[in-house]
């Protein structure tokens, strides 16, 4: 799982490192996340949950978390926590 954080939004992808393809993706710009009220941290947790649901639908239960050089706190930590709540294991 790779995370990218901008000033307004957050994006997360499940990437297969052997082939370099994106298996699933979620972001705070998706309609189901963007329409939710809340802070950026709360929306980040939703992004993690949405990505976890997509991963479980594909049969993916385990992944490696790549924080992309960002510190592990705030929105990045919230994505990881949301993905764990959704059922992914790191």
Protein backbone atom coordinates (compact mmCIF):
# COMPACT_ATOMS: atom_id res chain seq x y z
CA UNK A 1 0.00 0.00 0.00
CA UNK A 2 1.44 3.31 -1.07
CA UNK A 3 0.22 6.64 0.34
CA UNK A 4 0.47 10.10 -1.21
CA UNK A 5 -0.59 13.15 0.75
CA UNK A 6 -1.22 16.60 -0.70
CA UNK A 7 -2.31 19.69 1.19
CA UNK A 8 -6.01 19.02 0.53
CA UNK A 9 -6.36 15.33 -0.35
CA UNK A 10 -4.91 11.91 0.35
CA UNK A 11 -4.48 9.00 -2.04
CA UNK A 12 -3.74 5.33 -1.36
CA UNK A 13 -2.95 2.52 -3.79
CA UNK A 14 -2.33 -1.19 -3.59
CA UNK A 15 0.54 -1.87 -5.96
CA UNK A 16 1.92 -5.23 -7.08
CA UNK A 17 5.68 -4.64 -6.91
CA UNK A 18 6.57 -7.57 -9.14
CA UNK A 19 4.58 -6.30 -12.13
CA UNK A 20 4.31 -2.62 -11.19
CA UNK A 21 0.55 -2.54 -11.61
CA UNK A 22 -2.02 -0.86 -9.40
CA UNK A 23 -4.50 -3.39 -8.06
CA UNK A 24 -6.81 -1.01 -6.18
CA UNK A 25 -6.90 2.68 -5.38
CA UNK A 26 -8.86 5.06 -3.16
CA UNK A 27 -8.69 8.78 -2.53
CA UNK A 28 -10.43 11.54 -0.64
CA UNK A 29 -11.66 12.90 -3.99
CA UNK A 30 -13.97 9.93 -4.63
CA UNK A 31 -17.65 10.76 -4.39
CA UNK A 32 -18.39 8.39 -1.51
CA UNK A 33 -15.58 9.92 0.59
CA UNK A 34 -15.78 13.54 -0.56
CA UNK A 35 -19.48 13.83 0.31
CA UNK A 36 -18.84 12.80 3.92
CA UNK A 37 -18.59 15.59 6.45
CA UNK A 38 -15.53 15.65 8.66
CA UNK A 39 -11.94 16.70 9.00
CA UNK A 40 -9.13 15.65 6.71
CA UNK A 41 -8.02 13.06 9.29
CA UNK A 42 -11.51 11.53 9.41
CA UNK A 43 -11.68 11.40 5.61
CA UNK A 44 -8.26 9.75 5.57
CA UNK A 45 -9.60 6.96 7.76
CA UNK A 46 -12.47 6.52 5.29
CA UNK A 47 -9.96 6.24 2.44
CA UNK A 48 -8.22 3.44 4.33
CA UNK A 49 -11.51 1.61 4.91
CA UNK A 50 -12.56 1.96 1.26
CA UNK A 51 -9.19 0.63 0.08
CA UNK A 52 -9.43 -2.29 2.51
CA UNK A 53 -12.87 -3.19 1.17
CA UNK A 54 -11.55 -3.16 -2.39
CA UNK A 55 -8.55 -5.26 -1.38
CA UNK A 56 -10.67 -7.87 0.39
CA UNK A 57 -12.94 -8.07 -2.66
CA UNK A 58 -9.82 -8.91 -4.71
CA UNK A 59 -8.74 -11.52 -2.16
CA UNK A 60 -5.86 -9.47 -0.75
CA UNK A 61 -5.54 -9.71 3.03
CA UNK A 62 -1.91 -8.72 3.66
CA UNK A 63 0.15 -5.80 2.41
CA UNK A 64 3.21 -3.73 3.20
CA UNK A 65 2.59 -0.11 4.20
CA UNK A 66 4.70 2.46 2.32
CA UNK A 67 4.27 5.88 3.91
CA UNK A 68 6.10 7.51 1.01
CA UNK A 69 8.55 9.46 3.16
CA UNK A 70 5.82 11.15 5.16
CA UNK A 71 5.93 11.01 8.94
CA UNK A 72 3.71 8.33 10.44
CA UNK A 73 1.20 10.55 12.19
CA UNK A 74 -1.89 12.55 11.34
CA UNK A 75 -3.50 11.68 8.02
CA UNK A 76 -0.97 9.00 7.07
CA UNK A 77 -1.54 7.17 10.36
CA UNK A 78 -5.28 7.60 9.91
CA UNK A 79 -5.17 5.83 6.53
CA UNK A 80 -3.28 2.93 8.10
CA UNK A 81 -5.72 2.71 11.01
CA UNK A 82 -8.70 2.80 8.65
CA UNK A 83 -7.21 0.02 6.52
CA UNK A 84 -6.62 -2.09 9.63
CA UNK A 85 -10.22 -1.53 10.73
CA UNK A 86 -11.32 -2.57 7.24
CA UNK A 87 -9.52 -5.89 7.61
CA UNK A 88 -6.08 -5.45 6.00
CA UNK A 89 -3.03 -6.75 7.82
CA UNK A 90 0.36 -5.05 7.56
